[in-house]
């Protein structure tokens, strides 16, 4: 598996990535696809709040790739996503 390069990241579907915008909270999300110049996330949340998730939405404008999520961040993300989905039923 190749590493992401900040100048030209190669996103892998199903992997978690962090994105940032200057004065807004960092977003962590699962990459879905790149279409029409936009990054689409299967699910995403702000790293400051793992309680509210959005599903199948494009990355908001002005957000830029920061880095691939660490395994511990992915673990926390997936746990909280599962809790969110259970509570939505």
N, C-alpha and C. Protein backbone atom coordinates (compact mmCIF):
# COMPACT_ATOMS: atom_id res chain seq x y z
N UNK A 1 0.84 -1.17 0.00
CA UNK A 1 0.00 0.00 0.00
C UNK A 1 0.90 1.24 0.00
N UNK A 2 0.65 2.16 -0.91
CA UNK A 2 1.47 3.36 -1.02
C UNK A 2 1.04 4.40 0.01
N UNK A 3 2.00 5.19 0.45
CA UNK A 3 1.71 6.27 1.38
C UNK A 3 1.18 7.48 0.62
N UNK A 4 0.37 8.28 1.32
CA UNK A 4 -0.15 9.50 0.71
C UNK A 4 0.94 10.56 0.72
N UNK A 5 1.04 11.29 -0.34
CA UNK A 5 1.96 12.42 -0.40
C UNK A 5 1.13 13.68 -0.28
N UNK A 6 1.57 14.63 0.54
CA UNK A 6 0.79 15.84 0.74
C UNK A 6 0.62 16.64 -0.54
N UNK A 7 1.59 16.61 -1.42
CA UNK A 7 1.48 17.40 -2.64
C UNK A 7 0.55 16.74 -3.66
N UNK A 8 0.47 15.42 -3.67
CA UNK A 8 -0.36 14.71 -4.62
C UNK A 8 -0.85 13.42 -3.97
N UNK A 9 -1.81 13.53 -3.04
CA UNK A 9 -2.23 12.33 -2.31
C UNK A 9 -2.95 11.34 -3.22
N UNK A 10 -2.69 10.09 -3.00
CA UNK A 10 -3.39 9.01 -3.70
C UNK A 10 -4.34 8.39 -2.68
N UNK A 11 -5.59 8.77 -2.76
CA UNK A 11 -6.57 8.30 -1.79
C UNK A 11 -6.99 6.87 -2.11
N UNK A 12 -7.23 6.10 -1.05
CA UNK A 12 -7.65 4.71 -1.16
C UNK A 12 -9.07 4.63 -0.60
N UNK A 13 -10.00 4.12 -1.40
CA UNK A 13 -11.38 3.99 -0.94
C UNK A 13 -11.43 3.15 0.33
N UNK A 14 -12.19 3.63 1.31
CA UNK A 14 -12.33 2.92 2.58
C UNK A 14 -11.32 3.33 3.64
N UNK A 15 -10.34 4.12 3.29
CA UNK A 15 -9.35 4.59 4.26
C UNK A 15 -9.81 5.90 4.89
N UNK A 16 -9.37 6.14 6.12
CA UNK A 16 -9.72 7.36 6.85
C UNK A 16 -8.64 8.42 6.64
N UNK A 17 -9.08 9.64 6.39
CA UNK A 17 -8.17 10.78 6.17
C UNK A 17 -8.64 11.97 6.98
N UNK A 18 -7.71 12.85 7.30
CA UNK A 18 -8.03 14.09 7.97
C UNK A 18 -7.90 15.24 6.98
N UNK A 19 -8.82 16.19 7.09
CA UNK A 19 -8.85 17.37 6.23
C UNK A 19 -8.99 18.58 7.13
N UNK A 20 -8.40 19.70 6.72
CA UNK A 20 -8.48 20.89 7.56
C UNK A 20 -8.83 22.12 6.73
N UNK A 21 -9.40 23.08 7.43
CA UNK A 21 -9.70 24.39 6.87
C UNK A 21 -9.22 25.40 7.91
N UNK A 22 -8.72 26.50 7.45
CA UNK A 22 -7.98 27.43 8.29
C UNK A 22 -8.55 27.65 9.70
N UNK A 23 -9.76 28.14 9.85
CA UNK A 23 -10.31 28.45 11.18
C UNK A 23 -11.45 27.54 11.58
N UNK A 24 -11.61 26.42 10.91
CA UNK A 24 -12.68 25.47 11.21
C UNK A 24 -12.09 24.21 11.81
N UNK A 25 -12.92 23.43 12.50
CA UNK A 25 -12.42 22.17 13.07
C UNK A 25 -11.96 21.20 11.98
N UNK A 26 -11.05 20.34 12.34
CA UNK A 26 -10.55 19.31 11.43
C UNK A 26 -11.64 18.26 11.20
N UNK A 27 -11.74 17.78 9.97
CA UNK A 27 -12.69 16.72 9.62
C UNK A 27 -11.92 15.42 9.44
N UNK A 28 -12.48 14.35 9.99
CA UNK A 28 -11.97 13.01 9.71
C UNK A 28 -13.08 12.29 8.96
N UNK A 29 -12.72 11.60 7.88
CA UNK A 29 -13.72 10.92 7.08
C UNK A 29 -13.17 9.75 6.31
N UNK A 30 -14.08 8.89 5.88
CA UNK A 30 -13.73 7.71 5.09
C UNK A 30 -13.87 8.08 3.62
N UNK A 31 -12.78 7.99 2.87
CA UNK A 31 -12.79 8.35 1.46
C UNK A 31 -13.66 7.39 0.67
N UNK A 32 -14.52 7.95 -0.19
CA UNK A 32 -15.39 7.15 -1.04
C UNK A 32 -14.94 7.24 -2.49
N UNK A 33 -14.92 8.47 -3.05
CA UNK A 33 -14.55 8.63 -4.46
C UNK A 33 -14.13 10.07 -4.73
N UNK A 34 -13.52 10.25 -5.88
CA UNK A 34 -13.14 11.56 -6.38
C UNK A 34 -13.91 11.74 -7.68
N UNK A 35 -14.82 12.71 -7.70
CA UNK A 35 -15.69 12.88 -8.86
C UNK A 35 -15.90 14.35 -9.16
N UNK A 36 -15.72 14.73 -10.42
CA UNK A 36 -15.92 16.09 -10.88
C UNK A 36 -15.14 17.11 -10.04
N UNK A 37 -13.92 16.75 -9.70
CA UNK A 37 -13.06 17.65 -8.95
C UNK A 37 -13.36 17.76 -7.47
N UNK A 38 -14.24 16.92 -6.95
CA UNK A 38 -14.61 16.96 -5.54
C UNK A 38 -14.29 15.62 -4.88
N UNK A 39 -13.94 15.69 -3.62
CA UNK A 39 -13.71 14.50 -2.81
C UNK A 39 -15.02 14.16 -2.12
N UNK A 40 -15.46 12.93 -2.26
CA UNK A 40 -16.68 12.47 -1.59
C UNK A 40 -16.29 11.52 -0.46
N UNK A 41 -16.94 11.71 0.68
CA UNK A 41 -16.66 10.90 1.86
C UNK A 41 -17.86 10.00 2.16
N UNK A 42 -17.56 8.76 2.45
CA UNK A 42 -18.62 7.81 2.81
C UNK A 42 -19.27 8.23 4.12
N UNK A 43 -18.46 8.66 5.06
CA UNK A 43 -18.94 9.20 6.33
C UNK A 43 -17.87 10.15 6.85
N UNK A 44 -18.30 11.11 7.66
CA UNK A 44 -17.34 12.10 8.18
C UNK A 44 -17.88 12.75 9.44
N UNK A 45 -16.96 13.28 10.24
CA UNK A 45 -17.30 14.03 11.44
C UNK A 45 -16.15 14.98 11.76
N UNK A 46 -16.42 15.96 12.61
CA UNK A 46 -15.36 16.83 13.09
C UNK A 46 -14.60 16.10 14.19
N UNK A 47 -13.29 16.24 14.22
CA UNK A 47 -12.50 15.54 15.24
C UNK A 47 -12.78 16.07 16.63
N UNK A 48 -13.33 17.27 16.73
CA UNK A 48 -13.68 17.83 18.04
C UNK A 48 -15.01 17.27 18.55
N UNK A 49 -15.76 16.57 17.69
CA UNK A 49 -17.08 16.07 18.07
C UNK A 49 -17.35 14.77 17.34
N UNK A 50 -17.14 13.66 18.01
CA UNK A 50 -17.38 12.35 17.38
C UNK A 50 -18.82 11.89 17.58
N UNK A 51 -19.75 12.82 17.76
CA UNK A 51 -21.15 12.45 18.02
C UNK A 51 -22.05 12.63 16.82
N UNK A 52 -21.71 13.54 15.92
CA UNK A 52 -22.55 13.81 14.76
C UNK A 52 -21.79 13.48 13.48
N UNK A 53 -22.36 12.62 12.68
CA UNK A 53 -21.73 12.18 11.44
C UNK A 53 -22.61 12.57 10.26
N UNK A 54 -21.98 12.81 9.12
CA UNK A 54 -22.70 12.97 7.86
C UNK A 54 -22.31 11.80 6.97
N UNK A 55 -23.26 11.34 6.18
CA UNK A 55 -23.02 10.16 5.35
C UNK A 55 -23.14 10.51 3.88
N UNK A 56 -22.20 10.01 3.08
CA UNK A 56 -22.20 10.15 1.62
C UNK A 56 -22.35 11.60 1.16
N UNK A 57 -21.45 12.46 1.63
CA UNK A 57 -21.46 13.87 1.25
C UNK A 57 -20.10 14.26 0.70
N UNK A 58 -20.05 15.30 -0.14
CA UNK A 58 -18.74 15.79 -0.60
C UNK A 58 -18.05 16.56 0.52
N UNK A 59 -16.75 16.58 0.47
CA UNK A 59 -15.96 17.36 1.41
C UNK A 59 -16.31 18.83 1.20
N UNK A 60 -16.56 19.59 2.28
CA UNK A 60 -16.88 21.01 2.11
C UNK A 60 -15.74 21.75 1.39
N UNK A 61 -16.13 22.77 0.62
CA UNK A 61 -15.13 23.59 -0.06
C UNK A 61 -14.17 24.18 0.96
N UNK A 62 -12.98 24.48 0.53
CA UNK A 62 -11.89 25.08 1.32
C UNK A 62 -11.18 24.10 2.23
N UNK A 63 -11.71 22.90 2.41
CA UNK A 63 -10.99 21.92 3.22
C UNK A 63 -9.91 21.27 2.36
N UNK A 64 -8.75 21.10 2.95
CA UNK A 64 -7.59 20.54 2.25
C UNK A 64 -7.12 19.27 2.95
N UNK A 65 -6.52 18.39 2.19
CA UNK A 65 -5.95 17.16 2.73
C UNK A 65 -4.89 17.48 3.76
N UNK A 66 -4.97 16.83 4.90
CA UNK A 66 -3.97 17.00 5.96
C UNK A 66 -3.07 15.78 6.03
N UNK A 67 -3.67 14.60 6.28
CA UNK A 67 -2.90 13.36 6.36
C UNK A 67 -3.84 12.17 6.49
N UNK A 68 -3.28 11.00 6.33
CA UNK A 68 -4.03 9.77 6.57
C UNK A 68 -4.19 9.59 8.07
N UNK A 69 -5.32 9.07 8.50
CA UNK A 69 -5.57 8.89 9.93
C UNK A 69 -4.66 7.81 10.51
N UNK A 70 -4.26 8.04 11.75
CA UNK A 70 -3.51 7.02 12.47
C UNK A 70 -4.47 5.88 12.84
N UNK A 71 -3.94 4.71 13.11
CA UNK A 71 -4.79 3.57 13.45
C UNK A 71 -5.64 3.85 14.69
N UNK A 72 -5.10 4.52 15.69
CA UNK A 72 -5.88 4.84 16.89
C UNK A 72 -7.03 5.78 16.54
N UNK A 73 -6.81 6.72 15.64
CA UNK A 73 -7.87 7.64 15.21
C UNK A 73 -8.95 6.87 14.45
N UNK A 74 -8.53 5.94 13.61
CA UNK A 74 -9.48 5.12 12.87
C UNK A 74 -10.31 4.27 13.83
N UNK A 75 -9.67 3.69 14.83
CA UNK A 75 -10.40 2.88 15.82
C UNK A 75 -11.46 3.72 16.53
N UNK A 76 -11.09 4.91 17.01
CA UNK A 76 -12.04 5.79 17.69
C UNK A 76 -13.17 6.21 16.76
N UNK A 77 -12.81 6.50 15.52
CA UNK A 77 -13.79 6.92 14.52
C UNK A 77 -14.82 5.81 14.28
N UNK A 78 -14.35 4.60 14.04
CA UNK A 78 -15.25 3.49 13.74
C UNK A 78 -16.14 3.15 14.93
N UNK A 79 -15.60 3.21 16.13
CA UNK A 79 -16.41 2.95 17.32
C UNK A 79 -17.54 3.97 17.42
N UNK A 80 -17.21 5.25 17.30
CA UNK A 80 -18.21 6.30 17.42
C UNK A 80 -19.21 6.29 16.25
N UNK A 81 -18.77 5.91 15.06
CA UNK A 81 -19.68 5.78 13.93
C UNK A 81 -20.70 4.66 14.20
N UNK A 82 -20.24 3.54 14.76
CA UNK A 82 -21.15 2.44 15.09
C UNK A 82 -22.18 2.88 16.13
N UNK A 83 -21.75 3.62 17.15
CA UNK A 83 -22.68 4.12 18.16
C UNK A 83 -23.68 5.07 17.51
N UNK A 84 -23.21 5.95 16.64
CA UNK A 84 -24.10 6.89 15.94
C UNK A 84 -25.15 6.14 15.13
N UNK A 85 -24.74 5.12 14.38
CA UNK A 85 -25.67 4.37 13.55
C UNK A 85 -26.69 3.59 14.38
N UNK A 86 -26.27 3.07 15.51
CA UNK A 86 -27.20 2.36 16.40
C UNK A 86 -28.24 3.32 16.96
N UNK A 87 -27.81 4.49 17.36
CA UNK A 87 -28.71 5.49 17.94
C UNK A 87 -29.67 6.07 16.90
N UNK A 88 -29.35 5.98 15.62
CA UNK A 88 -30.22 6.50 14.57
C UNK A 88 -31.41 5.59 14.29
N UNK A 89 -31.37 4.38 14.78
CA UNK A 89 -32.46 3.43 14.51
C UNK A 89 -33.66 3.69 15.36
